[in-house]
Amino acid sequence: MPRSAPTSANDSFAAIAPGAGHSLEASAQAVAAVLSDRAGRPLLLESVNPVLVTVLRRTDPRCNGLVVNWDTNPRLELSGDWEEYLGRLTGSQRADVRRLARRGAEMQLRSVHQADEVAVSTRRSLEQRRRVWSETGLATKMSSFQREPAWDEFLVDAARSLAGTGLATVDELVFQGDVVASLLWLRRGAWLLAYHRSAERSQMKFGRILEVLSVQDAVGRGVRTIDLGRGSEAWKYRLGAADVAISDVVVGHARLATLATMAARVTPFLARRLVRRSGS
């Protein structure tokens, strides 16, 4: 059944992978194609460059867009080898990264690419994070749809589909035979976006070790940009990330007045998310 407002997980995720490239023109073309498939029904794009609205309008004159939320996205811009990456960090950042890399030497970083394996890994990661967050009291930070089993099924299916076209992969950290942390990446060429992350609670800092080993592996594979996702968690900046402006945008073939009505329905959800973040 068609939805009247772009508030579901499906609508948010639909444009993430197609809009992942550095080229705004290519991103706009991909979003325009998604809108055409949806018969122009409004779509919520999360964490995109706000300039995309102008480029999208130029790509397809039927398209309109409204920015409903401004935020920042920590990003790592990479060039050269691992030592060059370390050389651009501050002294404390460099010491932290090296310490975690040494600790990870006794562990295994495993990359999962096959669609069915990515789906299995994603489901295990969701169950792991749900359990850990419940134990630590962080479950209340999940959005309403993330608390529902349907969210898990959606993300597992989306990860499987994207992996099948080479747009998703999972890094797993294995310690003493167990997967203790994992990270779902969306990828395109030399670009990566960290989309979902989970880790077991431990003084070993499994999550931080996975992040460092994943960056080290990405540098070795020639990745040039790693987006660490919306949110200002301290670990992102300890890796050397810098903030880039992003926004949430409602787009569609409707007139701006209609999109404003759609945006009004989305804004309370975004406002609640910002309030929760500011209080954390």
Protein backbone atom coordinates (compact mmCIF):
# COMPACT_ATOMS: atom_id res chain seq x y z
CA MET A 1 0.00 0.00 0.00
CA PRO A 2 1.46 3.44 -0.91
CA ARG A 3 2.56 5.50 2.06
CA SER A 4 1.56 9.13 2.40
CA ALA A 5 4.71 10.19 4.27
CA PRO A 6 8.35 9.12 3.85
CA THR A 7 8.87 7.96 7.42
CA SER A 8 9.66 4.27 7.06
CA ALA A 9 13.03 2.56 7.07
CA ASN A 10 12.54 1.41 3.48
CA ASP A 11 12.16 4.95 2.18
CA SER A 12 15.22 6.15 4.07
CA PHE A 13 17.46 3.30 2.94
CA ALA A 14 16.34 3.29 -0.70
CA ALA A 15 18.52 6.21 -1.71
CA ILE A 16 21.60 5.62 0.46
CA ALA A 17 23.51 3.23 -1.77
CA PRO A 18 22.59 4.84 -5.13
CA GLY A 19 23.54 8.26 -3.75
CA ALA A 20 26.85 7.11 -2.37
CA GLY A 21 29.18 8.29 -5.10
CA HIS A 22 31.23 11.46 -4.97
CA SER A 23 29.52 12.83 -8.09
CA LEU A 24 26.43 14.86 -7.19
CA GLU A 25 25.24 14.50 -10.77
CA ALA A 26 25.40 10.70 -10.57
CA SER A 27 23.68 10.77 -7.19
CA ALA A 28 20.92 13.02 -8.52
CA GLN A 29 20.36 10.73 -11.48
CA ALA A 30 20.08 7.72 -9.17
CA VAL A 31 17.60 9.49 -6.87
CA ALA A 32 15.57 10.67 -9.88
CA ALA A 33 15.38 7.05 -11.07
CA VAL A 34 14.17 5.91 -7.61
CA LEU A 35 11.50 8.62 -7.65
CA SER A 36 10.35 7.56 -11.11
CA ASP A 37 10.03 3.97 -9.88
CA ARG A 38 7.89 5.29 -7.02
CA ALA A 39 5.71 7.35 -9.39
CA GLY A 40 7.11 10.52 -7.82
CA ARG A 41 5.89 9.79 -4.29
CA PRO A 42 7.90 11.72 -1.65
CA LEU A 43 11.09 10.09 -0.39
CA LEU A 44 13.20 10.86 2.68
CA LEU A 45 16.93 11.03 1.93
CA GLU A 46 19.01 10.81 5.08
CA SER A 47 22.51 12.24 5.53
CA VAL A 48 23.05 13.71 2.07
CA ASN A 49 24.84 16.77 0.74
CA PRO A 50 22.15 19.52 0.74
CA VAL A 51 23.41 20.74 -2.64
CA LEU A 52 21.86 17.55 -4.03
CA VAL A 53 18.48 19.33 -4.00
CA THR A 54 19.64 21.86 -6.60
CA VAL A 55 21.35 19.24 -8.76
CA LEU A 56 18.30 16.96 -8.57
CA ARG A 57 16.05 19.78 -9.77
CA ARG A 58 18.39 20.37 -12.69
CA THR A 59 18.42 16.64 -13.49
CA ASP A 60 14.64 16.31 -13.48
CA PRO A 61 12.55 19.53 -13.47
CA ARG A 62 9.65 17.61 -11.90
CA CYS A 63 11.67 17.12 -8.70
CA ASN A 64 11.42 19.36 -5.68
CA GLY A 65 13.14 19.09 -2.32
CA LEU A 66 13.04 20.48 1.21
CA VAL A 67 15.82 20.28 3.80
CA VAL A 68 14.30 19.15 7.11
CA ASN A 69 17.38 18.66 9.26
CA TRP A 70 21.00 19.78 9.26
CA ASP A 71 23.71 17.68 10.88
CA THR A 72 27.35 16.64 10.58
CA ASN A 73 28.99 13.47 9.33
CA PRO A 74 32.53 12.63 10.53
CA ARG A 75 34.62 11.66 7.49
CA LEU A 76 38.09 10.24 6.92
CA GLU A 77 39.82 11.39 3.73
CA LEU A 78 42.64 8.95 2.95
CA SER A 79 45.65 8.99 0.65
CA GLY A 80 48.88 7.08 0.59
CA ASP A 81 49.71 4.13 2.81
CA TRP A 82 49.14 3.30 6.49
CA GLU A 83 52.17 5.25 7.70
CA GLU A 84 50.99 8.34 5.84
CA TYR A 85 47.58 7.98 7.48
CA LEU A 86 49.22 7.74 10.90
CA GLY A 87 51.38 10.75 10.11
CA ARG A 88 48.31 12.96 9.68
CA LEU A 89 46.99 12.12 13.15
CA THR A 90 47.77 14.03 16.32
CA GLY A 91 50.24 12.45 18.73
CA SER A 92 47.53 11.15 21.06
CA GLN A 93 45.42 9.84 18.16
CA ARG A 94 48.42 8.07 16.66
CA ALA A 95 49.35 6.43 19.97
CA ASP A 96 45.74 5.28 20.46
CA VAL A 97 45.46 3.81 16.95
CA ARG A 98 48.81 2.02 17.21
CA ARG A 99 47.92 0.56 20.60
CA LEU A 100 44.62 -0.80 19.28
CA ALA A 101 46.31 -2.18 16.14
CA ARG A 102 48.84 -4.05 18.30
CA ARG A 103 46.04 -5.44 20.44
CA GLY A 104 44.25 -6.57 17.30
CA ALA A 105 47.28 -8.52 16.10
CA GLU A 106 46.07 -11.51 18.16
CA MET A 107 42.65 -11.34 16.50
CA GLN A 108 41.37 -11.93 12.97
CA LEU A 109 39.68 -9.41 10.69
CA ARG A 110 37.36 -11.28 8.34
CA SER A 111 35.59 -9.62 5.42
CA VAL A 112 32.25 -11.09 4.30
CA HIS A 113 31.12 -10.42 0.73
CA GLN A 114 28.71 -13.16 -0.41
CA ALA A 115 25.08 -12.05 -0.21
CA ASP A 116 23.78 -14.87 2.02
CA GLU A 117 26.80 -14.64 4.32
CA VAL A 118 26.34 -10.87 4.62
CA ALA A 119 22.69 -11.47 5.57
CA VAL A 120 23.67 -14.00 8.27
CA SER A 121 26.35 -11.66 9.62
CA THR A 122 23.96 -8.71 9.66
CA ARG A 123 21.33 -10.67 11.58
CA ARG A 124 23.94 -11.80 14.12
CA SER A 125 25.14 -8.21 14.49
CA LEU A 126 21.59 -6.91 15.07
CA GLU A 127 20.98 -9.54 17.73
CA GLN A 128 24.31 -8.74 19.35
CA ARG A 129 23.67 -5.00 19.50
CA ARG A 130 20.10 -5.46 20.72
CA ARG A 131 21.35 -7.67 23.57
CA VAL A 132 24.28 -5.42 24.49
CA TRP A 133 22.19 -2.25 24.36
CA SER A 134 19.55 -3.90 26.54
CA GLU A 135 22.20 -4.79 29.10
CA THR A 136 23.59 -1.25 29.14
CA GLY A 137 20.28 0.61 29.04
CA LEU A 138 20.96 2.11 25.60
CA ALA A 139 17.98 0.39 23.97
CA THR A 140 15.86 3.48 24.64
CA LYS A 141 17.97 5.35 22.08
CA MET A 142 16.66 3.17 19.29
CA SER A 143 14.05 4.80 17.10
CA SER A 144 10.56 3.33 17.23
CA PHE A 145 10.90 1.31 14.03
CA GLN A 146 14.32 -0.01 15.10
CA ARG A 147 12.67 -1.60 18.14
CA GLU A 148 10.40 -3.68 15.92
CA PRO A 149 11.38 -7.09 14.49
CA ALA A 150 10.38 -5.76 11.05
CA TRP A 151 13.43 -3.45 11.15
CA ASP A 152 15.78 -6.41 11.56
CA GLU A 153 14.15 -8.23 8.66
CA PHE A 154 14.32 -5.15 6.47
CA LEU A 155 18.01 -4.50 7.17
CA VAL A 156 18.95 -8.16 6.68
CA ASP A 157 17.12 -8.25 3.34
CA ALA A 158 18.60 -4.90 2.27
CA ALA A 159 22.12 -6.00 3.20
CA ARG A 160 21.66 -9.24 1.23
CA SER A 161 20.38 -7.39 -1.84
CA LEU A 162 23.12 -4.75 -1.75
CA ALA A 163 25.84 -7.37 -1.24
CA GLY A 164 24.47 -9.21 -4.26
CA THR A 165 25.28 -6.18 -6.40
CA GLY A 166 28.62 -5.49 -4.73
CA LEU A 167 27.39 -2.49 -2.74
CA ALA A 168 27.68 -3.95 0.77
CA THR A 169 30.18 -5.93 2.80
CA VAL A 170 30.71 -6.79 6.47
CA ASP A 171 33.93 -6.71 8.48
CA GLU A 172 33.95 -9.17 11.39
CA LEU A 173 36.41 -9.28 14.28
CA VAL A 174 37.05 -12.85 15.41
CA PHE A 175 38.62 -13.59 18.80
CA GLN A 176 39.13 -17.12 20.11
CA GLY A 177 36.74 -18.45 17.48
CA ASP A 178 33.88 -16.03 18.22
CA VAL A 179 32.67 -13.00 16.28
CA VAL A 180 33.03 -10.26 18.89
CA ALA A 181 32.35 -7.20 16.69
CA SER A 182 31.12 -6.46 13.19
CA LEU A 183 30.59 -3.50 10.89
CA LEU A 184 28.26 -3.32 7.88
CA TRP A 185 29.70 -1.15 5.12
CA LEU A 186 28.00 0.33 2.11
CA ARG A 187 30.58 0.76 -0.60
CA ARG A 188 31.12 2.13 -4.06
CA GLY A 189 34.56 2.21 -5.63
CA ALA A 190 36.97 3.97 -3.30
CA TRP A 191 34.19 5.10 -0.93
CA LEU A 192 32.86 3.40 2.23
CA LEU A 193 30.02 4.28 4.61
CA ALA A 194 29.83 2.65 8.04
CA TYR A 195 26.12 1.82 8.32
CA HIS A 196 25.67 -0.60 11.23
CA ARG A 197 28.11 -1.51 14.01
CA SER A 198 27.98 -3.83 17.01
CA ALA A 199 30.47 -5.18 19.54
CA GLU A 200 30.54 -7.29 22.67
CA ARG A 201 31.17 -5.47 25.93
CA SER A 202 34.74 -6.03 27.05
CA GLN A 203 37.76 -4.27 28.46
CA MET A 204 39.47 -5.46 25.28
CA LYS A 205 37.57 -2.71 23.41
CA PHE A 206 36.54 -4.99 20.56
CA GLY A 207 34.60 -2.25 18.77
CA ARG A 208 37.54 0.14 18.72
CA ILE A 209 39.92 -2.59 17.56
CA LEU A 210 37.58 -3.49 14.70
CA GLU A 211 37.40 0.15 13.62
CA VAL A 212 41.19 0.49 13.52
CA LEU A 213 41.74 -2.81 11.70
CA SER A 214 38.98 -1.97 9.21
CA VAL A 215 40.57 1.41 8.43
CA GLN A 216 43.97 -0.25 8.09
CA ASP A 217 42.51 -2.80 5.68
CA ALA A 218 40.68 -0.08 3.73
CA VAL A 219 43.87 1.95 3.32
CA GLY A 220 45.61 -1.15 1.98
CA ARG A 221 42.80 -1.65 -0.57
CA GLY A 222 43.02 1.91 -1.87
CA VAL A 223 39.87 3.32 -0.23
CA ARG A 224 40.00 7.10 -0.31
CA THR A 225 36.93 8.20 1.68
CA ILE A 226 35.35 6.63 4.75
CA ASP A 227 32.12 8.18 6.00
CA LEU A 228 31.53 7.20 9.62
CA GLY A 229 27.86 8.12 9.67
CA ARG A 230 25.73 10.69 11.41
CA GLY A 231 26.68 11.30 15.03
CA SER A 232 29.56 12.82 16.97
CA GLU A 233 30.80 9.79 18.91
CA ALA A 234 34.32 10.35 20.24
CA TRP A 235 35.79 7.21 18.62
CA LYS A 236 35.25 8.68 15.15
CA TYR A 237 37.44 11.67 15.90
CA ARG A 238 40.09 9.49 17.54
CA LEU A 239 40.48 7.93 14.10
CA GLY A 240 41.16 11.41 12.69
CA ALA A 241 37.74 12.14 11.17
CA ALA A 242 36.60 15.69 10.40
CA ASP A 243 32.99 16.91 10.21
CA VAL A 244 31.23 17.39 6.88
CA ALA A 245 27.83 19.11 6.63
CA ILE A 246 24.93 16.82 5.73
CA SER A 247 21.15 17.08 5.83
CA ASP A 248 17.93 15.12 5.65
CA VAL A 249 15.88 16.03 2.59
CA VAL A 250 12.34 15.25 1.50
CA VAL A 251 12.18 14.99 -2.29
CA GLY A 252 9.44 14.14 -4.76
CA HIS A 253 7.52 15.19 -7.85
CA ALA A 254 4.99 17.02 -5.68
CA ARG A 255 4.82 20.79 -5.39
CA LEU A 256 6.75 22.41 -2.55
CA ALA A 257 3.56 22.99 -0.58
CA THR A 258 2.84 19.26 -0.63
CA LEU A 259 6.42 18.43 0.30
CA ALA A 260 6.15 20.88 3.21
CA THR A 261 3.23 18.82 4.53
CA MET A 262 5.30 15.67 4.18
CA ALA A 263 8.24 17.36 5.92
CA ALA A 264 6.00 18.40 8.81
CA ARG A 265 5.21 14.74 9.40
CA VAL A 266 8.88 13.80 9.34
CA THR A 267 10.16 16.66 11.51
CA PRO A 268 8.76 15.43 14.87
CA PHE A 269 10.66 12.16 14.41
CA LEU A 270 13.86 14.06 13.60
CA ALA A 271 13.32 16.43 16.52
CA ARG A 272 12.97 13.52 18.95
CA ARG A 273 16.18 12.04 17.60
CA LEU A 274 18.06 15.30 18.11
CA VAL A 275 16.72 15.68 21.66
CA ARG A 276 17.87 12.16 22.54
CA ARG A 277 21.31 12.83 21.08
CA SER A 278 21.76 16.14 22.90
CA GLY A 279 20.91 14.48 26.19
CA SER A 280 23.36 11.61 25.71
